[in-house]
PDB file of N, CA and C in Angstrom:
ATOM      1  N   MET A   1       0.813  -1.188   0.000  1.00  0.00           N
ATOM      2  CA  MET A   1       0.000   0.000   0.000  1.00  0.00           C
ATOM      3  C   MET A   1       0.862   1.260   0.000  1.00  0.00           C
ATOM      4  N   LEU A   2       2.155   1.112  -0.030  1.00  0.00           N
ATOM      5  CA  LEU A   2       3.025   2.268  -0.066  1.00  0.00           C
ATOM      6  C   LEU A   2       3.186   2.817  -1.482  1.00  0.00           C
ATOM      7  N   LEU A   3       2.696   2.109  -2.462  1.00  0.00           N
ATOM      8  CA  LEU A   3       2.757   2.633  -3.821  1.00  0.00           C
ATOM      9  C   LEU A   3       1.867   3.861  -3.932  1.00  0.00           C
ATOM     10  N   PRO A   4       2.296   4.873  -4.652  1.00  0.00           N
ATOM     11  CA  PRO A   4       1.507   6.099  -4.727  1.00  0.00           C
ATOM     12  C   PRO A   4       0.223   5.945  -5.536  1.00  0.00           C
ATOM     13  N   PHE A   5       0.142   4.952  -6.391  1.00  0.00           N
ATOM     14  CA  PHE A   5      -1.068   4.740  -7.184  1.00  0.00           C
ATOM     15  C   PHE A   5      -1.579   3.315  -7.028  1.00  0.00           C
ATOM     16  N   PHE A   6      -1.573   2.827  -5.806  1.00  0.00           N
ATOM     17  CA  PHE A   6      -2.005   1.462  -5.505  1.00  0.00           C
ATOM     18  C   PHE A   6      -3.461   1.242  -5.874  1.00  0.00           C
ATOM     19  N   ASN A   7      -4.325   2.204  -5.585  1.00  0.00           N
ATOM     20  CA  ASN A   7      -5.759   2.046  -5.865  1.00  0.00           C
ATOM     21  C   ASN A   7      -6.041   1.878  -7.350  1.00  0.00           C
ATOM     22  N   GLU A   8      -5.309   2.593  -8.189  1.00  0.00           N
ATOM     23  CA  GLU A   8      -5.528   2.487  -9.623  1.00  0.00           C
ATOM     24  C   GLU A   8      -5.073   1.129 -10.151  1.00  0.00           C
ATOM     25  N   VAL A   9      -3.969   0.626  -9.626  1.00  0.00           N
ATOM     26  CA  VAL A   9      -3.482  -0.691 -10.053  1.00  0.00           C
ATOM     27  C   VAL A   9      -4.487  -1.775  -9.643  1.00  0.00           C
ATOM     28  N   VAL A  10      -5.002  -1.682  -8.438  1.00  0.00           N
ATOM     29  CA  VAL A  10      -6.022  -2.641  -7.994  1.00  0.00           C
ATOM     30  C   VAL A  10      -7.288  -2.492  -8.838  1.00  0.00           C
ATOM     31  N   GLY A  11      -7.617  -1.261  -9.220  1.00  0.00           N
ATOM     32  CA  GLY A  11      -8.773  -1.023 -10.084  1.00  0.00           C
ATOM     33  C   GLY A  11      -8.621  -1.660 -11.448  1.00  0.00           C
ATOM     34  N   ILE A  12      -7.420  -1.589 -12.002  1.00  0.00           N
ATOM     35  CA  ILE A  12      -7.164  -2.221 -13.298  1.00  0.00           C
ATOM     36  C   ILE A  12      -7.335  -3.733 -13.192  1.00  0.00           C
ATOM     37  N   LEU A  13      -6.723  -4.317 -12.171  1.00  0.00           N
ATOM     38  CA  LEU A  13      -6.845  -5.772 -11.987  1.00  0.00           C
ATOM     39  C   LEU A  13      -8.292  -6.185 -11.760  1.00  0.00           C
ATOM     40  N   GLY A  14      -9.012  -5.402 -10.990  1.00  0.00           N
ATOM     41  CA  GLY A  14     -10.420  -5.704 -10.739  1.00  0.00           C
ATOM     42  C   GLY A  14     -11.267  -5.577 -11.989  1.00  0.00           C
ATOM     43  N   ALA A  15     -10.993  -4.574 -12.799  1.00  0.00           N
ATOM     44  CA  ALA A  15     -11.767  -4.381 -14.028  1.00  0.00           C
ATOM     45  C   ALA A  15     -11.532  -5.520 -15.011  1.00  0.00           C
ATOM     46  N   PHE A  16     -10.280  -5.975 -15.103  1.00  0.00           N
ATOM     47  CA  PHE A  16      -9.999  -7.079 -16.030  1.00  0.00           C
ATOM     48  C   PHE A  16     -10.499  -8.420 -15.506  1.00  0.00           C
ATOM     49  N   GLY A  17     -10.618  -8.572 -14.212  1.00  0.00           N
ATOM     50  CA  GLY A  17     -11.086  -9.828 -13.649  1.00  0.00           C
ATOM     51  C   GLY A  17     -12.580  -9.908 -13.474  1.00  0.00           C
ATOM     52  N   PHE A  18     -13.263  -8.760 -13.425  1.00  0.00           N
ATOM     53  CA  PHE A  18     -14.696  -8.745 -13.139  1.00  0.00           C
ATOM     54  C   PHE A  18     -15.512  -9.433 -14.222  1.00  0.00           C
ATOM     55  N   TRP A  19     -15.373  -8.986 -15.456  1.00  0.00           N
ATOM     56  CA  TRP A  19     -16.261  -9.480 -16.501  1.00  0.00           C
ATOM     57  C   TRP A  19     -16.125 -10.982 -16.774  1.00  0.00           C
ATOM     58  N   PRO A  20     -14.922 -11.506 -16.992  1.00  0.00           N
ATOM     59  CA  PRO A  20     -14.879 -12.945 -17.312  1.00  0.00           C
ATOM     60  C   PRO A  20     -15.269 -13.834 -16.137  1.00  0.00           C
ATOM     61  N   LEU A  21     -14.861 -13.482 -14.938  1.00  0.00           N
ATOM     62  CA  LEU A  21     -15.102 -14.371 -13.796  1.00  0.00           C
ATOM     63  C   LEU A  21     -16.483 -14.219 -13.186  1.00  0.00           C
ATOM     64  N   ILE A  22     -17.019 -13.007 -13.171  1.00  0.00           N
ATOM     65  CA  ILE A  22     -18.282 -12.762 -12.493  1.00  0.00           C
ATOM     66  C   ILE A  22     -19.465 -12.773 -13.446  1.00  0.00           C
ATOM     67  N   VAL A  23     -19.244 -12.464 -14.724  1.00  0.00           N
ATOM     68  CA  VAL A  23     -20.373 -12.351 -15.650  1.00  0.00           C
ATOM     69  C   VAL A  23     -20.305 -13.396 -16.764  1.00  0.00           C
ATOM     70  N   TYR A  24     -19.260 -13.371 -17.566  1.00  0.00           N
ATOM     71  CA  TYR A  24     -19.239 -14.179 -18.789  1.00  0.00           C
ATOM     72  C   TYR A  24     -19.355 -15.682 -18.525  1.00  0.00           C
ATOM     73  N   PHE A  25     -18.449 -16.231 -17.706  1.00  0.00           N
ATOM     74  CA  PHE A  25     -18.468 -17.676 -17.476  1.00  0.00           C
ATOM     75  C   PHE A  25     -19.760 -18.154 -16.805  1.00  0.00           C
ATOM     76  N   PRO A  26     -20.253 -17.477 -15.763  1.00  0.00           N
ATOM     77  CA  PRO A  26     -21.521 -17.938 -15.183  1.00  0.00           C
ATOM     78  C   PRO A  26     -22.702 -17.856 -16.152  1.00  0.00           C
ATOM     79  N   VAL A  27     -22.745 -16.814 -16.970  1.00  0.00           N
ATOM     80  CA  VAL A  27     -23.842 -16.693 -17.941  1.00  0.00           C
ATOM     81  C   VAL A  27     -23.757 -17.817 -18.968  1.00  0.00           C
ATOM     82  N   GLU A  28     -22.576 -18.066 -19.485  1.00  0.00           N
ATOM     83  CA  GLU A  28     -22.429 -19.137 -20.472  1.00  0.00           C
ATOM     84  C   GLU A  28     -22.730 -20.510 -19.868  1.00  0.00           C
ATOM     85  N   LEU A  29     -22.285 -20.731 -18.643  1.00  0.00           N
ATOM     86  CA  LEU A  29     -22.585 -22.005 -17.984  1.00  0.00           C
ATOM     87  C   LEU A  29     -24.079 -22.165 -17.751  1.00  0.00           C
ATOM     88  N   TYR A  30     -24.755 -21.085 -17.370  1.00  0.00           N
ATOM     89  CA  TYR A  30     -26.207 -21.130 -17.168  1.00  0.00           C
ATOM     90  C   TYR A  30     -26.924 -21.462 -18.476  1.00  0.00           C
ATOM     91  N   ILE A  31     -26.473 -20.841 -19.570  1.00  0.00           N
ATOM     92  CA  ILE A  31     -27.093 -21.096 -20.876  1.00  0.00           C
ATOM     93  C   ILE A  31     -26.934 -22.563 -21.271  1.00  0.00           C
ATOM     94  N   VAL A  32     -25.749 -23.110 -21.055  1.00  0.00           N
ATOM     95  CA  VAL A  32     -25.504 -24.509 -21.415  1.00  0.00           C
ATOM     96  C   VAL A  32     -26.269 -25.447 -20.484  1.00  0.00           C
ATOM     97  N   GLN A  33     -26.261 -25.159 -19.186  1.00  0.00           N
ATOM     98  CA  GLN A  33     -26.911 -26.036 -18.215  1.00  0.00           C
ATOM     99  C   GLN A  33     -28.423 -26.084 -18.416  1.00  0.00           C
ATOM    100  N   LYS A  34     -29.029 -24.946 -18.675  1.00  0.00           N
ATOM    101  CA  LYS A  34     -30.482 -24.884 -18.855  1.00  0.00           C
ATOM    102  C   LYS A  34     -30.909 -25.140 -20.297  1.00  0.00           C
ATOM    103  N   LYS A  35     -29.931 -25.363 -21.175  1.00  0.00           N
ATOM    104  CA  LYS A  35     -30.186 -25.642 -22.597  1.00  0.00           C
ATOM    105  C   LYS A  35     -31.081 -24.584 -23.228  1.00  0.00           C
ATOM    106  N   ILE A  36     -30.699 -23.330 -23.040  1.00  0.00           N
ATOM    107  CA  ILE A  36     -31.457 -22.210 -23.597  1.00  0.00           C
ATOM    108  C   ILE A  36     -31.121 -22.112 -25.085  1.00  0.00           C
ATOM    109  N   PRO A  37     -32.127 -22.143 -25.942  1.00  0.00           N
ATOM    110  CA  PRO A  37     -31.848 -22.090 -27.384  1.00  0.00           C
ATOM    111  C   PRO A  37     -31.321 -20.720 -27.808  1.00  0.00           C
ATOM    112  N   LYS A  38     -30.433 -20.765 -28.813  1.00  0.00           N
ATOM    113  CA  LYS A  38     -29.877 -19.517 -29.333  1.00  0.00           C
ATOM    114  C   LYS A  38     -30.990 -18.668 -29.928  1.00  0.00           C
ATOM    115  N   TRP A  39     -30.816 -17.370 -29.783  1.00  0.00           N
ATOM    116  CA  TRP A  39     -31.696 -16.337 -30.305  1.00  0.00           C
ATOM    117  C   TRP A  39     -33.088 -16.354 -29.678  1.00  0.00           C
ATOM    118  N   SER A  40     -33.261 -17.055 -28.556  1.00  0.00           N
ATOM    119  CA  SER A  40     -34.509 -16.928 -27.807  1.00  0.00           C
ATOM    120  C   SER A  40     -34.452 -15.635 -26.995  1.00  0.00           C
ATOM    121  N   THR A  41     -35.581 -15.229 -26.455  1.00  0.00           N
ATOM    122  CA  THR A  41     -35.637 -13.977 -25.689  1.00  0.00           C
ATOM    123  C   THR A  41     -34.716 -14.029 -24.485  1.00  0.00           C
ATOM    124  N   ARG A  42     -34.706 -15.137 -23.767  1.00  0.00           N
ATOM    125  CA  ARG A  42     -33.850 -15.270 -22.588  1.00  0.00           C
ATOM    126  C   ARG A  42     -32.376 -15.235 -22.976  1.00  0.00           C
ATOM    127  N   TRP A  43     -32.011 -15.903 -24.069  1.00  0.00           N
ATOM    128  CA  TRP A  43     -30.623 -15.916 -24.527  1.00  0.00           C
ATOM    129  C   TRP A  43     -30.166 -14.508 -24.901  1.00  0.00           C
ATOM    130  N   ILE A  44     -31.013 -13.772 -25.621  1.00  0.00           N
ATOM    131  CA  ILE A  44     -30.676 -12.410 -26.026  1.00  0.00           C
ATOM    132  C   ILE A  44     -30.514 -11.519 -24.794  1.00  0.00           C
ATOM    133  N   CYS A  45     -31.401 -11.648 -23.811  1.00  0.00           N
ATOM    134  CA  CYS A  45     -31.293 -10.833 -22.601  1.00  0.00           C
ATOM    135  C   CYS A  45     -30.014 -11.146 -21.829  1.00  0.00           C
ATOM    136  N   LEU A  46     -29.655 -12.404 -21.723  1.00  0.00           N
ATOM    137  CA  LEU A  46     -28.419 -12.770 -21.031  1.00  0.00           C
ATOM    138  C   LEU A  46     -27.189 -12.255 -21.769  1.00  0.00           C
ATOM    139  N   GLN A  47     -27.213 -12.317 -23.082  1.00  0.00           N
ATOM    140  CA  GLN A  47     -26.087 -11.810 -23.858  1.00  0.00           C
ATOM    141  C   GLN A  47     -25.990 -10.285 -23.753  1.00  0.00           C
ATOM    142  N   MET A  48     -27.140  -9.611 -23.721  1.00  0.00           N
ATOM    143  CA  MET A  48     -27.122  -8.148 -23.543  1.00  0.00           C
ATOM    144  C   MET A  48     -26.576  -7.784 -22.169  1.00  0.00           C
ATOM    145  N   LEU A  49     -26.918  -8.544 -21.137  1.00  0.00           N
ATOM    146  CA  LEU A  49     -26.366  -8.319 -19.807  1.00  0.00           C
ATOM    147  C   LEU A  49     -24.854  -8.493 -19.821  1.00  0.00           C
ATOM    148  N   SER A  50     -24.385  -9.517 -20.487  1.00  0.00           N
ATOM    149  CA  SER A  50     -22.953  -9.780 -20.568  1.00  0.00           C
ATOM    150  C   SER A  50     -22.232  -8.652 -21.298  1.00  0.00           C
ATOM    151  N   VAL A  51     -22.779  -8.177 -22.392  1.00  0.00           N
ATOM    152  CA  VAL A  51     -22.153  -7.091 -23.155  1.00  0.00           C
ATOM    153  C   VAL A  51     -22.168  -5.792 -22.352  1.00  0.00           C
ATOM    154  N   ALA A  52     -23.255  -5.518 -21.642  1.00  0.00           N
ATOM    155  CA  ALA A  52     -23.323  -4.309 -20.818  1.00  0.00           C
ATOM    156  C   ALA A  52     -22.255  -4.337 -19.726  1.00  0.00           C
ATOM    157  N   CYS A  53     -22.079  -5.476 -19.099  1.00  0.00           N
ATOM    158  CA  CYS A  53     -21.043  -5.593 -18.059  1.00  0.00           C
ATOM    159  C   CYS A  53     -19.646  -5.500 -18.655  1.00  0.00           C
ATOM    160  N   LEU A  54     -19.463  -5.986 -19.881  1.00  0.00           N
ATOM    161  CA  LEU A  54     -18.178  -5.849 -20.561  1.00  0.00           C
ATOM    162  C   LEU A  54     -17.862  -4.376 -20.806  1.00  0.00           C
ATOM    163  N   ILE A  55     -18.853  -3.616 -21.245  1.00  0.00           N
ATOM    164  CA  ILE A  55     -18.647  -2.187 -21.493  1.00  0.00           C
ATOM    165  C   ILE A  55     -18.303  -1.467 -20.193  1.00  0.00           C
ATOM    166  N   ILE A  56     -18.975  -1.811 -19.105  1.00  0.00           N
ATOM    167  CA  ILE A  56     -18.684  -1.209 -17.804  1.00  0.00           C
ATOM    168  C   ILE A  56     -17.263  -1.562 -17.366  1.00  0.00           C
ATOM    169  N   SER A  57     -16.847  -2.792 -17.582  1.00  0.00           N
ATOM    170  CA  SER A  57     -15.483  -3.203 -17.215  1.00  0.00           C
ATOM    171  C   SER A  57     -14.435  -2.466 -18.032  1.00  0.00           C
ATOM    172  N   ILE A  58     -14.698  -2.271 -19.319  1.00  0.00           N
ATOM    173  CA  ILE A  58     -13.764  -1.533 -20.166  1.00  0.00           C
ATOM    174  C   ILE A  58     -13.661  -0.082 -19.707  1.00  0.00           C
ATOM    175  N   ALA A  59     -14.807   0.512 -19.361  1.00  0.00           N
ATOM    176  CA  ALA A  59     -14.791   1.891 -18.874  1.00  0.00           C
ATOM    177  C   ALA A  59     -14.033   2.001 -17.554  1.00  0.00           C
ATOM    178  N   ALA A  60     -14.220   1.034 -16.665  1.00  0.00           N
ATOM    179  CA  ALA A  60     -13.506   1.052 -15.385  1.00  0.00           C
ATOM    180  C   ALA A  60     -12.006   0.882 -15.598  1.00  0.00           C
ATOM    181  N   ALA A  61     -11.615   0.016 -16.507  1.00  0.00           N
ATOM    182  CA  ALA A  61     -10.197  -0.174 -16.798  1.00  0.00           C
ATOM    183  C   ALA A  61      -9.603   1.095 -17.409  1.00  0.00           C
ATOM    184  N   ALA A  62     -10.345   1.743 -18.300  1.00  0.00           N
ATOM    185  CA  ALA A  62      -9.859   2.986 -18.905  1.00  0.00           C
ATOM    186  C   ALA A  62      -9.690   4.074 -17.847  1.00  0.00           C
ATOM    187  N   GLY A  63     -10.629   4.159 -16.928  1.00  0.00           N
ATOM    188  CA  GLY A  63     -10.515   5.139 -15.854  1.00  0.00           C
ATOM    189  C   GLY A  63      -9.321   4.874 -14.951  1.00  0.00           C
ATOM    190  N   SER A  64      -9.079   3.622 -14.643  1.00  0.00           N
ATOM    191  CA  SER A  64      -7.933   3.280 -13.801  1.00  0.00           C
ATOM    192  C   SER A  64      -6.613   3.536 -14.515  1.00  0.00           C
ATOM    193  N   ILE A  65      -6.568   3.229 -15.798  1.00  0.00           N
ATOM    194  CA  ILE A  65      -5.357   3.499 -16.574  1.00  0.00           C
ATOM    195  C   ILE A  65      -5.114   5.004 -16.656  1.00  0.00           C
ATOM    196  N   ALA A  66      -6.170   5.779 -16.837  1.00  0.00           N
ATOM    197  CA  ALA A  66      -6.025   7.238 -16.856  1.00  0.00           C
ATOM    198  C   ALA A  66      -5.514   7.743 -15.509  1.00  0.00           C
ATOM    199  N   GLY A  67      -5.965   7.137 -14.413  1.00  0.00           N
ATOM    200  CA  GLY A  67      -5.476   7.521 -13.097  1.00  0.00           C
ATOM    201  C   GLY A  67      -4.002   7.214 -12.916  1.00  0.00           C
ATOM    202  N   VAL A  68      -3.558   6.071 -13.404  1.00  0.00           N
ATOM    203  CA  VAL A  68      -2.136   5.716 -13.319  1.00  0.00           C
ATOM    204  C   VAL A  68      -1.301   6.696 -14.133  1.00  0.00           C
ATOM    205  N   VAL A  69      -1.759   7.006 -15.334  1.00  0.00           N
ATOM    206  CA  VAL A  69      -1.025   7.949 -16.183  1.00  0.00           C
ATOM    207  C   VAL A  69      -0.960   9.316 -15.514  1.00  0.00           C
ATOM    208  N   LEU A  70      -2.058   9.748 -14.909  1.00  0.00           N
ATOM    209  CA  LEU A  70      -2.087  11.035 -14.220  1.00  0.00           C
ATOM    210  C   LEU A  70      -1.110  11.059 -13.053  1.00  0.00           C
ATOM    211  N   TYR A  71      -1.092   9.987 -12.261  1.00  0.00           N
ATOM    212  CA  TYR A  71      -0.151   9.919 -11.137  1.00  0.00           C
ATOM    213  C   TYR A  71       1.297   9.819 -11.595  1.00  0.00           C
ATOM    214  N   LEU A  72       1.548   9.140 -12.711  1.00  0.00           N
ATOM    215  CA  LEU A  72       2.922   9.012 -13.196  1.00  0.00           C
ATOM    216  C   LEU A  72       3.492  10.344 -13.679  1.00  0.00           C
ATOM    217  N   LYS A  73       2.616  11.274 -14.075  1.00  0.00           N
ATOM    218  CA  LYS A  73       3.094  12.580 -14.514  1.00  0.00           C
ATOM    219  C   LYS A  73       3.691  13.386 -13.369  1.00  0.00           C
ATOM    220  N   VAL A  74       3.179  13.186 -12.152  1.00  0.00           N
ATOM    221  CA  VAL A  74       3.652  13.976 -11.010  1.00  0.00           C
ATOM    222  C   VAL A  74       4.482  13.150 -10.031  1.00  0.00           C
ATOM    223  N   TYR A  75       4.676  11.865 -10.301  1.00  0.00           N
ATOM    224  CA  TYR A  75       5.397  10.984  -9.381  1.00  0.00           C
ATOM    225  C   TYR A  75       6.897  11.133  -9.569  1.00  0.00           C
ATOM    226  N   HIS A  76       7.591  11.333  -8.472  1.00  0.00           N
ATOM    227  CA  HIS A  76       9.048  11.413  -8.479  1.00  0.00           C
ATOM    228  C   HIS A  76       9.579  10.387  -7.473  1.00  0.00           C
ATOM    229  N   PRO A  77      10.099   9.256  -7.972  1.00  0.00           N
ATOM    230  CA  PRO A  77      10.569   8.237  -7.040  1.00  0.00           C
ATOM    231  C   PRO A  77      11.773   8.717  -6.229  1.00  0.00           C
ATOM    232  N   PHE A  78      11.822   8.298  -5.007  1.00  0.00           N
ATOM    233  CA  PHE A  78      12.911   8.573  -4.079  1.00  0.00           C
ATOM    234  C   PHE A  78      13.070  10.058  -3.744  1.00  0.00           C
ATOM    235  N   LYS A  79      12.064  10.835  -4.011  1.00  0.00           N
ATOM    236  CA  LYS A  79      12.122  12.249  -3.656  1.00  0.00           C
ATOM    237  C   LYS A  79      11.222  12.470  -2.450  1.00  0.00           C
ATOM    238  N   THR A  80      11.767  13.006  -1.408  1.00  0.00           N
ATOM    239  CA  THR A  80      10.972  13.286  -0.225  1.00  0.00           C
ATOM    240  C   THR A  80      10.814  14.782  -0.070  1.00  0.00           C
ATOM    241  N   SER A  81       9.690  15.171   0.445  1.00  0.00           N
ATOM    242  CA  SER A  81       9.469  16.601   0.678  1.00  0.00           C
ATOM    243  C   SER A  81       9.264  16.831   2.164  1.00  0.00           C
ATOM    244  N   TYR A  82       9.730  17.921   2.654  1.00  0.00           N
ATOM    245  CA  TYR A  82       9.598  18.264   4.058  1.00  0.00           C
ATOM    246  C   TYR A  82       8.565  19.304   4.151  1.00  0.00           C
TER     247      TYR A  82
END
């Protein structure tokens, strides 16, 4: 936690891990387990949910990357201020 941009790095990791582990795989497993036919209303709704969460994850990752870039502009390693 001594890193100056620790929160942004954790945000990036969380954004990249959220969609595949929390949304995509469970949705696909549910579709296969319940044998939901392709292009049915339920299948389309589940796929729209998955795509919406993917867009949110991409936006969160972009925000975290922007935060890291912003902090790197003003970060001076090994410089202490009194």
